[in-house]
Amino acid sequence: MKLKPIFDRVVIIPSEKENVTKGGIYLPTTSVERPQIGKVIAVGEGGTFDGNEVEMKVKVGDKVLYNRYSGVEIKIDGEGVIVLQQADIIAIILDE
């Protein structure tokens, strides 16, 4: 299934959850926090909200940092994605 977000919504595939600490200790799934980094797979067209034009700053393929508990988690074809507003994205991660 394909998903086309509306207005200023963005669809993100979150990065894998880390279940091993840097020291090599395995964490139970209940103690693993939700990731804050993901890849943008779909972007809405923006629009006008409260009289202000909203321009989309992210594009498909961008790696982004977003607020941990923002958005809505859903499954598309068995894969978990997050749909959130562009305002919940903190930064675009630039790989050097």
Protein backbone atom coordinates (compact mmCIF):
# COMPACT_ATOMS: atom_id res chain seq x y z
CA MET A 1 0.00 0.00 0.00
CA LYS A 2 1.21 3.51 -0.75
CA LEU A 3 0.50 6.41 1.56
CA LYS A 4 0.25 10.07 0.46
CA PRO A 5 0.13 12.41 3.46
CA ILE A 6 -1.93 15.59 3.26
CA PHE A 7 -1.07 19.18 4.21
CA ASP A 8 2.12 19.37 6.33
CA ARG A 9 2.28 15.70 7.29
CA VAL A 10 5.38 13.54 6.79
CA VAL A 11 5.71 9.72 6.81
CA ILE A 12 8.90 8.37 8.41
CA ILE A 13 10.39 4.90 8.77
CA PRO A 14 12.07 4.96 12.20
CA SER A 15 15.60 3.63 12.58
CA GLU A 16 16.05 0.30 14.31
CA LYS A 17 15.74 0.30 18.09
CA GLU A 18 18.99 -0.36 19.90
CA ASN A 19 18.63 -3.37 22.19
CA VAL A 20 22.32 -3.64 23.12
CA THR A 21 24.20 -1.02 25.15
CA LYS A 22 27.65 0.21 24.16
CA GLY A 23 29.03 -2.09 26.84
CA GLY A 24 27.38 -5.15 25.23
CA ILE A 25 24.48 -5.60 27.67
CA TYR A 26 21.24 -6.76 26.04
CA LEU A 27 18.16 -4.75 27.02
CA PRO A 28 14.65 -6.23 27.30
CA THR A 29 12.21 -4.87 24.72
CA THR A 30 10.21 -3.09 27.43
CA SER A 31 13.15 -0.87 28.34
CA VAL A 32 14.12 0.09 24.77
CA GLU A 33 13.12 3.68 23.99
CA ARG A 34 11.38 4.75 20.80
CA PRO A 35 13.95 5.98 18.23
CA GLN A 36 14.17 9.65 17.27
CA ILE A 37 15.90 9.22 13.92
CA GLY A 38 14.26 8.02 10.72
CA LYS A 39 14.04 8.25 6.96
CA VAL A 40 11.34 10.28 5.18
CA ILE A 41 9.36 8.13 2.73
CA ALA A 42 6.46 10.49 1.88
CA VAL A 43 5.77 14.23 2.20
CA GLY A 44 2.55 16.23 2.00
CA GLU A 45 2.17 19.24 -0.27
CA GLY A 46 2.10 21.90 2.46
CA GLY A 47 -0.64 24.50 2.24
CA THR A 48 -2.12 27.46 4.06
CA PHE A 49 -2.81 27.19 7.79
CA ASP A 50 -4.29 30.04 9.84
CA GLY A 51 -3.50 32.41 6.97
CA ASN A 52 0.18 31.43 6.83
CA GLU A 53 1.76 29.55 3.92
CA VAL A 54 3.53 26.36 5.07
CA GLU A 55 6.45 25.38 2.84
CA MET A 56 7.71 21.82 3.11
CA LYS A 57 11.39 21.80 4.14
CA VAL A 58 11.92 18.02 4.05
CA LYS A 59 11.88 15.72 1.04
CA VAL A 60 11.70 11.99 0.44
CA GLY A 61 15.00 10.32 1.36
CA ASP A 62 16.00 12.84 4.06
CA LYS A 63 17.30 11.41 7.34
CA VAL A 64 15.65 13.39 10.16
CA LEU A 65 15.66 13.84 13.92
CA TYR A 66 12.15 14.17 15.37
CA ASN A 67 10.42 14.52 18.74
CA ARG A 68 10.36 11.10 20.44
CA TYR A 69 6.64 10.92 21.29
CA SER A 70 5.14 12.86 18.38
CA GLY A 71 3.08 11.50 15.54
CA VAL A 72 1.01 8.39 15.05
CA GLU A 73 2.50 4.92 14.65
CA ILE A 74 0.86 2.73 12.01
CA LYS A 75 1.74 -0.38 10.02
CA ILE A 76 1.93 -0.37 6.23
CA ASP A 77 2.49 -3.76 4.60
CA GLY A 78 3.74 -5.10 7.95
CA GLU A 79 6.29 -2.32 8.45
CA GLY A 80 5.93 0.26 11.23
CA VAL A 81 5.92 3.91 10.15
CA ILE A 82 5.24 7.21 11.89
CA VAL A 83 3.03 9.95 10.46
CA LEU A 84 3.77 13.34 11.99
CA GLN A 85 3.60 17.05 11.24
CA GLN A 86 6.63 18.78 9.78
CA ALA A 87 6.76 20.98 12.92
CA ASP A 88 7.65 17.84 14.94
CA ILE A 89 10.87 17.40 12.95
CA ILE A 90 13.79 18.94 14.83
CA ALA A 91 16.52 18.69 12.18
CA ILE A 92 17.62 17.14 8.90
CA ILE A 93 20.71 14.97 9.45
CA LEU A 94 23.44 15.67 6.92
CA ASP A 95 25.82 12.80 6.25
CA GLU A 96 29.33 13.98 5.50
